[in-house]
Amino acid sequence: MTSRCIWFDGARQEDGARTLDVMRWGFPWKVPGERIDKVTGKPMLLDTIVTNVKNYTSPFWKSALANPERRCLVPFTSFSEYGPRPAGKRPLFWFDVPSQPIVSFAGVWRPIEGGAVFAFLTTDLNPLVALSHPKAMPVLLDEEDEDR
């Protein structure tokens, strides 16, 4: 993983076996912008990415979540979350699991033109992360849950 988490080496199932793959972080998505298309009169669409699965009932995630072949492990050694914004810059807090050198987030992936993309699932905050972050956190998997 690079320091900006743009690419990762992750594990996914292929023909019943776990395989490593390199994927880009974020599912592509087009959102309406402020500029209006002069021909159609509609807002022009902007390319963006969605990096975290927060709403499990959203149609956007339905196919990835429903298909076990689209599940993946997102290995990490530490992760960061931004804290509340006091006056000035938001503080960045780092977390790891001292008892395990490498841990996995629960993720989903899909093929796109030119490769594959992934996003990781989020959940309610645990007490440790809640001290410094106001929203959700990645789903951390116990090693015995990775096979599921």
N, C-alpha and C. Protein backbone atom coordinates (compact mmCIF):
# COMPACT_ATOMS: atom_id res chain seq x y z
N MET A 1 0.83 -1.17 0.00
CA MET A 1 0.00 0.00 0.00
C MET A 1 0.88 1.24 0.00
N THR A 2 0.51 2.22 -0.77
CA THR A 2 1.26 3.46 -0.72
C THR A 2 0.79 4.27 0.47
N SER A 3 1.50 5.31 0.79
CA SER A 3 1.14 6.12 1.95
C SER A 3 -0.21 6.82 1.76
N ARG A 4 -0.67 6.96 0.51
CA ARG A 4 -1.96 7.61 0.27
C ARG A 4 -3.06 6.59 0.04
N CYS A 5 -2.76 5.29 0.10
CA CYS A 5 -3.76 4.23 -0.04
C CYS A 5 -4.48 4.26 -1.38
N ILE A 6 -3.78 4.62 -2.43
CA ILE A 6 -4.38 4.64 -3.75
C ILE A 6 -4.44 3.23 -4.32
N TRP A 7 -3.40 2.46 -4.12
CA TRP A 7 -3.33 1.09 -4.61
C TRP A 7 -3.09 0.16 -3.44
N PHE A 8 -3.49 -1.08 -3.58
CA PHE A 8 -3.21 -2.03 -2.53
C PHE A 8 -3.03 -3.41 -3.13
N ASP A 9 -2.30 -4.24 -2.42
CA ASP A 9 -2.24 -5.65 -2.74
C ASP A 9 -3.23 -6.32 -1.82
N GLY A 10 -4.30 -6.85 -2.37
CA GLY A 10 -5.35 -7.44 -1.56
C GLY A 10 -5.64 -8.86 -1.97
N ALA A 11 -6.41 -9.53 -1.17
CA ALA A 11 -6.74 -10.92 -1.42
C ALA A 11 -8.22 -11.03 -1.79
N ARG A 12 -8.49 -11.87 -2.78
CA ARG A 12 -9.85 -12.17 -3.17
C ARG A 12 -9.91 -13.62 -3.59
N GLN A 13 -11.11 -14.17 -3.69
CA GLN A 13 -11.28 -15.56 -4.10
C GLN A 13 -11.33 -15.66 -5.62
N GLU A 14 -10.68 -16.66 -6.15
CA GLU A 14 -10.77 -16.96 -7.58
C GLU A 14 -10.66 -18.46 -7.74
N ASP A 15 -11.71 -19.08 -8.27
CA ASP A 15 -11.77 -20.53 -8.44
C ASP A 15 -11.52 -21.25 -7.11
N GLY A 16 -12.11 -20.72 -6.03
CA GLY A 16 -12.02 -21.36 -4.73
C GLY A 16 -10.73 -21.13 -3.97
N ALA A 17 -9.80 -20.38 -4.52
CA ALA A 17 -8.52 -20.13 -3.84
C ALA A 17 -8.34 -18.63 -3.65
N ARG A 18 -7.67 -18.26 -2.58
CA ARG A 18 -7.37 -16.85 -2.32
C ARG A 18 -6.23 -16.42 -3.24
N THR A 19 -6.39 -15.28 -3.87
CA THR A 19 -5.37 -14.76 -4.77
C THR A 19 -5.10 -13.30 -4.43
N LEU A 20 -3.86 -12.87 -4.61
CA LEU A 20 -3.49 -11.47 -4.40
C LEU A 20 -3.74 -10.68 -5.67
N ASP A 21 -4.11 -9.43 -5.51
CA ASP A 21 -4.39 -8.58 -6.65
C ASP A 21 -4.00 -7.14 -6.29
N VAL A 22 -3.76 -6.35 -7.30
CA VAL A 22 -3.50 -4.93 -7.11
C VAL A 22 -4.75 -4.20 -7.60
N MET A 23 -5.30 -3.35 -6.75
CA MET A 23 -6.52 -2.63 -7.08
C MET A 23 -6.38 -1.16 -6.70
N ARG A 24 -7.21 -0.35 -7.32
CA ARG A 24 -7.27 1.08 -7.01
C ARG A 24 -8.39 1.30 -6.00
N TRP A 25 -8.18 2.21 -5.05
CA TRP A 25 -9.16 2.48 -4.00
C TRP A 25 -10.25 3.40 -4.53
N GLY A 26 -11.49 2.93 -4.49
CA GLY A 26 -12.63 3.76 -4.83
C GLY A 26 -13.38 3.29 -6.06
N PHE A 27 -14.69 3.11 -5.91
CA PHE A 27 -15.57 2.77 -7.03
C PHE A 27 -15.89 4.06 -7.78
N PRO A 28 -15.73 4.06 -9.12
CA PRO A 28 -16.06 5.28 -9.87
C PRO A 28 -17.56 5.57 -9.82
N TRP A 29 -17.88 6.86 -9.84
CA TRP A 29 -19.27 7.29 -9.79
C TRP A 29 -19.37 8.66 -10.42
N LYS A 30 -20.41 8.89 -11.16
CA LYS A 30 -20.63 10.20 -11.78
C LYS A 30 -21.69 10.94 -10.97
N VAL A 31 -21.39 12.20 -10.65
CA VAL A 31 -22.32 13.04 -9.89
C VAL A 31 -22.57 14.32 -10.66
N PRO A 32 -23.78 14.86 -10.54
CA PRO A 32 -24.06 16.12 -11.25
C PRO A 32 -23.24 17.27 -10.67
N GLY A 33 -22.66 18.05 -11.57
CA GLY A 33 -21.89 19.22 -11.16
C GLY A 33 -22.73 20.48 -11.23
N GLU A 34 -22.09 21.62 -11.03
CA GLU A 34 -22.79 22.91 -11.06
C GLU A 34 -22.95 23.44 -12.48
N ARG A 35 -22.02 23.07 -13.37
CA ARG A 35 -22.08 23.57 -14.75
C ARG A 35 -23.19 22.87 -15.52
N ILE A 36 -23.88 23.60 -16.35
CA ILE A 36 -24.98 23.07 -17.14
C ILE A 36 -24.52 22.82 -18.57
N ASP A 37 -24.86 21.65 -19.09
CA ASP A 37 -24.56 21.30 -20.48
C ASP A 37 -25.45 22.16 -21.38
N LYS A 38 -24.85 22.90 -22.30
CA LYS A 38 -25.60 23.82 -23.16
C LYS A 38 -26.53 23.08 -24.12
N VAL A 39 -26.19 21.84 -24.46
CA VAL A 39 -27.00 21.08 -25.41
C VAL A 39 -28.20 20.45 -24.70
N THR A 40 -27.98 19.79 -23.58
CA THR A 40 -29.07 19.07 -22.90
C THR A 40 -29.79 19.92 -21.86
N GLY A 41 -29.15 20.97 -21.37
CA GLY A 41 -29.75 21.78 -20.31
C GLY A 41 -29.66 21.12 -18.94
N LYS A 42 -28.96 20.01 -18.85
CA LYS A 42 -28.82 19.28 -17.58
C LYS A 42 -27.43 19.51 -17.00
N PRO A 43 -27.29 19.30 -15.68
CA PRO A 43 -25.96 19.45 -15.09
C PRO A 43 -24.97 18.48 -15.72
N MET A 44 -23.74 18.96 -15.92
CA MET A 44 -22.69 18.09 -16.44
C MET A 44 -22.27 17.12 -15.34
N LEU A 45 -21.94 15.90 -15.74
CA LEU A 45 -21.56 14.88 -14.76
C LEU A 45 -20.06 14.93 -14.50
N LEU A 46 -19.70 14.83 -13.24
CA LEU A 46 -18.31 14.84 -12.81
C LEU A 46 -17.91 13.44 -12.35
N ASP A 47 -16.69 13.06 -12.64
CA ASP A 47 -16.17 11.78 -12.18
C ASP A 47 -15.70 11.93 -10.74
N THR A 48 -16.11 11.00 -9.89
CA THR A 48 -15.66 10.97 -8.51
C THR A 48 -15.48 9.51 -8.11
N ILE A 49 -15.06 9.26 -6.89
CA ILE A 49 -14.93 7.89 -6.41
C ILE A 49 -15.59 7.77 -5.04
N VAL A 50 -16.09 6.57 -4.75
CA VAL A 50 -16.67 6.26 -3.45
C VAL A 50 -15.77 5.21 -2.82
N THR A 51 -15.18 5.54 -1.68
CA THR A 51 -14.14 4.69 -1.09
C THR A 51 -14.61 3.79 0.03
N ASN A 52 -15.73 4.12 0.67
CA ASN A 52 -16.17 3.37 1.83
C ASN A 52 -17.64 3.00 1.71
N VAL A 53 -17.98 1.77 2.05
CA VAL A 53 -19.36 1.31 2.03
C VAL A 53 -19.98 1.66 3.38
N LYS A 54 -20.81 2.68 3.40
CA LYS A 54 -21.45 3.12 4.64
C LYS A 54 -22.91 2.68 4.70
N ASN A 55 -23.62 2.77 3.59
CA ASN A 55 -25.04 2.43 3.54
C ASN A 55 -25.19 1.09 2.81
N TYR A 56 -25.33 0.02 3.58
CA TYR A 56 -25.37 -1.33 3.01
C TYR A 56 -26.63 -1.59 2.20
N THR A 57 -27.66 -0.76 2.32
CA THR A 57 -28.89 -0.96 1.56
C THR A 57 -28.93 -0.14 0.28
N SER A 58 -27.90 0.66 0.02
CA SER A 58 -27.86 1.50 -1.17
C SER A 58 -27.80 0.65 -2.44
N PRO A 59 -28.59 0.98 -3.46
CA PRO A 59 -28.50 0.27 -4.73
C PRO A 59 -27.09 0.34 -5.34
N PHE A 60 -26.34 1.39 -5.01
CA PHE A 60 -24.98 1.54 -5.54
C PHE A 60 -24.11 0.34 -5.17
N TRP A 61 -24.29 -0.22 -3.96
CA TRP A 61 -23.46 -1.32 -3.47
C TRP A 61 -24.11 -2.69 -3.62
N LYS A 62 -25.36 -2.73 -4.04
CA LYS A 62 -26.15 -3.97 -4.02
C LYS A 62 -25.44 -5.14 -4.70
N SER A 63 -24.96 -4.98 -5.91
CA SER A 63 -24.36 -6.10 -6.64
C SER A 63 -23.06 -6.55 -5.99
N ALA A 64 -22.26 -5.62 -5.50
CA ALA A 64 -20.99 -6.00 -4.86
C ALA A 64 -21.23 -6.72 -3.54
N LEU A 65 -22.18 -6.25 -2.75
CA LEU A 65 -22.44 -6.87 -1.46
C LEU A 65 -23.14 -8.21 -1.58
N ALA A 66 -23.98 -8.39 -2.61
CA ALA A 66 -24.74 -9.62 -2.76
C ALA A 66 -23.91 -10.77 -3.32
N ASN A 67 -22.80 -10.47 -3.96
CA ASN A 67 -22.00 -11.47 -4.64
C ASN A 67 -20.76 -11.83 -3.81
N PRO A 68 -20.72 -13.04 -3.21
CA PRO A 68 -19.54 -13.41 -2.41
C PRO A 68 -18.23 -13.34 -3.18
N GLU A 69 -18.27 -13.49 -4.50
CA GLU A 69 -17.04 -13.41 -5.29
C GLU A 69 -16.50 -11.98 -5.36
N ARG A 70 -17.28 -11.01 -4.94
CA ARG A 70 -16.85 -9.61 -4.96
C ARG A 70 -16.35 -9.16 -3.58
N ARG A 71 -16.23 -10.09 -2.64
CA ARG A 71 -15.66 -9.75 -1.34
C ARG A 71 -14.15 -9.82 -1.43
N CYS A 72 -13.47 -9.00 -0.63
CA CYS A 72 -12.02 -9.05 -0.61
C CYS A 72 -11.51 -8.66 0.77
N LEU A 73 -10.27 -8.99 1.01
CA LEU A 73 -9.57 -8.58 2.21
C LEU A 73 -8.67 -7.41 1.85
N VAL A 74 -8.69 -6.38 2.67
CA VAL A 74 -7.84 -5.22 2.47
C VAL A 74 -6.82 -5.22 3.61
N PRO A 75 -5.63 -5.75 3.36
CA PRO A 75 -4.64 -5.84 4.44
C PRO A 75 -4.06 -4.47 4.80
N PHE A 76 -3.76 -4.30 6.09
CA PHE A 76 -3.16 -3.06 6.54
C PHE A 76 -2.31 -3.31 7.77
N THR A 77 -1.39 -2.40 8.01
CA THR A 77 -0.59 -2.44 9.23
C THR A 77 -1.05 -1.35 10.20
N SER A 78 -1.61 -0.27 9.68
CA SER A 78 -2.21 0.79 10.49
C SER A 78 -3.17 1.56 9.60
N PHE A 79 -4.07 2.31 10.23
CA PHE A 79 -4.98 3.16 9.46
C PHE A 79 -5.16 4.47 10.21
N SER A 80 -5.64 5.47 9.49
CA SER A 80 -5.80 6.78 10.10
C SER A 80 -7.24 7.26 9.96
N GLU A 81 -7.62 8.13 10.86
CA GLU A 81 -8.92 8.80 10.82
C GLU A 81 -8.70 10.25 11.22
N TYR A 82 -9.43 11.15 10.57
CA TYR A 82 -9.36 12.55 10.96
C TYR A 82 -10.25 12.78 12.16
N GLY A 83 -9.77 13.58 13.08
CA GLY A 83 -10.54 13.96 14.25
C GLY A 83 -11.39 15.18 13.97
N PRO A 84 -12.13 15.65 14.98
CA PRO A 84 -12.94 16.86 14.81
C PRO A 84 -12.06 18.05 14.46
N ARG A 85 -12.62 18.98 13.72
CA ARG A 85 -11.87 20.15 13.27
C ARG A 85 -11.97 21.27 14.30
N PRO A 86 -10.91 21.46 15.07
CA PRO A 86 -10.88 22.68 15.89
C PRO A 86 -10.51 23.84 14.98
N ALA A 87 -10.20 24.95 15.51
CA ALA A 87 -9.75 26.07 14.67
C ALA A 87 -8.49 25.64 13.93
N GLY A 88 -8.55 25.66 12.61
CA GLY A 88 -7.38 25.29 11.82
C GLY A 88 -7.50 23.89 11.23
N LYS A 89 -6.39 23.22 11.11
CA LYS A 89 -6.29 21.93 10.43
C LYS A 89 -6.85 20.79 11.28
N ARG A 90 -7.51 19.83 10.62
CA ARG A 90 -8.04 18.66 11.32
C ARG A 90 -6.90 17.74 11.74
N PRO A 91 -6.91 17.27 12.98
CA PRO A 91 -5.85 16.35 13.41
C PRO A 91 -6.04 14.96 12.82
N LEU A 92 -4.95 14.28 12.56
CA LEU A 92 -4.96 12.93 12.02
C LEU A 92 -4.52 11.96 13.12
N PHE A 93 -5.33 10.94 13.36
CA PHE A 93 -5.02 9.94 14.38
C PHE A 93 -4.74 8.60 13.71
N TRP A 94 -3.70 7.91 14.17
CA TRP A 94 -3.31 6.62 13.62
C TRP A 94 -3.67 5.50 14.59
N PHE A 95 -4.12 4.35 14.02
CA PHE A 95 -4.52 3.20 14.81
C PHE A 95 -3.86 1.95 14.24
N ASP A 96 -3.54 1.02 15.11
CA ASP A 96 -3.04 -0.29 14.68
C ASP A 96 -3.53 -1.33 15.67
N VAL A 97 -3.19 -2.58 15.39
CA VAL A 97 -3.53 -3.69 16.28
C VAL A 97 -2.20 -4.27 16.73
N PRO A 98 -1.72 -3.87 17.92
CA PRO A 98 -0.38 -4.27 18.35
C PRO A 98 -0.14 -5.78 18.38
N SER A 99 -1.19 -6.57 18.60
CA SER A 99 -1.02 -8.02 18.67
C SER A 99 -0.90 -8.69 17.30
N GLN A 100 -1.17 -7.93 16.22
CA GLN A 100 -1.10 -8.50 14.87
C GLN A 100 -0.36 -7.53 13.95
N PRO A 101 0.70 -7.99 13.30
CA PRO A 101 1.44 -7.08 12.40
C PRO A 101 0.65 -6.70 11.15
N ILE A 102 -0.21 -7.60 10.66
CA ILE A 102 -1.05 -7.31 9.50
C ILE A 102 -2.48 -7.73 9.84
N VAL A 103 -3.42 -6.83 9.60
CA VAL A 103 -4.83 -7.07 9.86
C VAL A 103 -5.57 -6.78 8.55
N SER A 104 -6.83 -7.21 8.45
CA SER A 104 -7.60 -6.97 7.23
C SER A 104 -8.89 -6.22 7.51
N PHE A 105 -9.21 -5.30 6.61
CA PHE A 105 -10.55 -4.71 6.55
C PHE A 105 -11.39 -5.63 5.68
N ALA A 106 -12.71 -5.62 5.92
CA ALA A 106 -13.65 -6.28 5.01
C ALA A 106 -13.86 -5.35 3.83
N GLY A 107 -13.73 -5.87 2.62
CA GLY A 107 -13.88 -5.04 1.44
C GLY A 107 -14.71 -5.68 0.35
N VAL A 108 -15.05 -4.90 -0.63
CA VAL A 108 -15.69 -5.37 -1.86
C VAL A 108 -14.90 -4.81 -3.03
N TRP A 109 -14.96 -5.48 -4.15
CA TRP A 109 -14.21 -5.05 -5.32
C TRP A 109 -15.05 -5.28 -6.57
N ARG A 110 -14.63 -4.67 -7.66
CA ARG A 110 -15.25 -4.96 -8.96
C ARG A 110 -14.25 -4.64 -10.05
N PRO A 111 -14.37 -5.39 -11.15
CA PRO A 111 -13.49 -5.08 -12.29
C PRO A 111 -14.00 -3.84 -13.01
N ILE A 112 -13.07 -3.05 -13.51
CA ILE A 112 -13.40 -1.92 -14.37
C ILE A 112 -12.41 -1.95 -15.53
N GLU A 113 -12.66 -1.11 -16.50
CA GLU A 113 -11.72 -1.03 -17.62
C GLU A 113 -10.35 -0.62 -17.08
N GLY A 114 -9.36 -1.41 -17.38
CA GLY A 114 -8.00 -1.10 -16.95
C GLY A 114 -7.61 -1.66 -15.61
N GLY A 115 -8.43 -2.54 -15.01
CA GLY A 115 -8.03 -3.13 -13.73
C GLY A 115 -9.20 -3.45 -12.82
N ALA A 116 -9.02 -3.18 -11.55
CA ALA A 116 -10.05 -3.45 -10.56
C ALA A 116 -10.01 -2.35 -9.51
N VAL A 117 -11.15 -2.16 -8.84
CA VAL A 117 -11.26 -1.16 -7.78
C VAL A 117 -11.82 -1.83 -6.53
N PHE A 118 -11.56 -1.22 -5.38
CA PHE A 118 -12.10 -1.76 -4.13
C PHE A 118 -12.59 -0.64 -3.24
N ALA A 119 -13.43 -1.00 -2.29
CA ALA A 119 -13.87 -0.12 -1.21
C ALA A 119 -13.97 -0.99 0.03
N PHE A 120 -13.80 -0.39 1.20
CA PHE A 120 -13.96 -1.21 2.39
C PHE A 120 -15.23 -0.83 3.13
N LEU A 121 -15.74 -1.81 3.87
CA LEU A 121 -16.96 -1.63 4.62
C LEU A 121 -16.68 -0.86 5.90
N THR A 122 -17.66 -0.09 6.34
CA THR A 122 -17.52 0.64 7.60
C THR A 122 -18.59 0.17 8.58
N THR A 123 -18.37 0.47 9.84
CA THR A 123 -19.28 0.07 10.91
C THR A 123 -19.28 1.16 11.98
N ASP A 124 -20.08 0.92 13.03
CA ASP A 124 -20.10 1.84 14.15
C ASP A 124 -18.72 1.90 14.80
N LEU A 125 -18.45 3.00 15.41
CA LEU A 125 -17.15 3.21 16.06
C LEU A 125 -16.98 2.31 17.28
N ASN A 126 -15.76 1.80 17.46
CA ASN A 126 -15.45 1.14 18.72
C ASN A 126 -15.03 2.22 19.71
N PRO A 127 -14.95 1.90 21.01
CA PRO A 127 -14.64 2.95 22.00
C PRO A 127 -13.30 3.65 21.76
N LEU A 128 -12.30 2.96 21.24
CA LEU A 128 -11.00 3.58 21.03
C LEU A 128 -11.05 4.62 19.91
N VAL A 129 -11.61 4.26 18.77
CA VAL A 129 -11.68 5.19 17.63
C VAL A 129 -12.67 6.31 17.93
N ALA A 130 -13.73 6.02 18.69
CA ALA A 130 -14.74 7.04 19.00
C ALA A 130 -14.16 8.23 19.76
N LEU A 131 -13.05 8.04 20.46
CA LEU A 131 -12.44 9.13 21.19
C LEU A 131 -11.91 10.23 20.28
N SER A 132 -11.60 9.88 19.03
CA SER A 132 -10.98 10.86 18.15
C SER A 132 -11.68 11.06 16.81
N HIS A 133 -12.72 10.27 16.52
CA HIS A 133 -13.37 10.36 15.21
C HIS A 133 -14.89 10.34 15.40
N PRO A 134 -15.63 11.21 14.73
CA PRO A 134 -17.06 11.34 15.00
C PRO A 134 -18.00 10.41 14.21
N LYS A 135 -17.51 9.70 13.18
CA LYS A 135 -18.44 8.99 12.29
C LYS A 135 -18.31 7.49 12.41
N ALA A 136 -17.87 6.84 11.36
CA ALA A 136 -17.76 5.39 11.29
C ALA A 136 -16.29 5.00 11.19
N MET A 137 -16.04 3.71 11.22
CA MET A 137 -14.68 3.20 11.08
C MET A 137 -14.71 1.97 10.19
N PRO A 138 -13.56 1.56 9.64
CA PRO A 138 -13.53 0.35 8.80
C PRO A 138 -13.90 -0.89 9.61
N VAL A 139 -14.47 -1.87 8.92
CA VAL A 139 -14.75 -3.17 9.54
C VAL A 139 -13.43 -3.93 9.62
N LEU A 140 -12.94 -4.14 10.84
CA LEU A 140 -11.69 -4.90 11.06
C LEU A 140 -12.06 -6.36 11.26
N LEU A 141 -11.40 -7.23 10.54
CA LEU A 141 -11.70 -8.66 10.63
C LEU A 141 -10.74 -9.36 11.58
N ASP A 142 -11.28 -10.24 12.41
CA ASP A 142 -10.44 -11.16 13.16
C ASP A 142 -9.88 -12.17 12.17
N GLU A 143 -8.69 -12.67 12.44
CA GLU A 143 -8.05 -13.59 11.50
C GLU A 143 -8.94 -14.79 11.19
N GLU A 144 -9.66 -15.31 12.19
CA GLU A 144 -10.52 -16.48 11.96
C GLU A 144 -11.75 -16.14 11.09
N ASP A 145 -12.05 -14.86 10.90
CA ASP A 145 -13.19 -14.46 10.06
C ASP A 145 -12.79 -14.20 8.61
N GLU A 146 -11.52 -14.16 8.32
CA GLU A 146 -11.07 -13.83 6.96
C GLU A 146 -11.53 -14.84 5.92
N ASP A 147 -11.62 -16.10 6.26
CA ASP A 147 -12.05 -17.10 5.28
C ASP A 147 -13.51 -16.93 4.88
N ARG A 148 -14.31 -16.36 5.76
CA ARG A 148 -15.73 -16.13 5.42
C ARG A 148 -15.84 -14.94 4.50
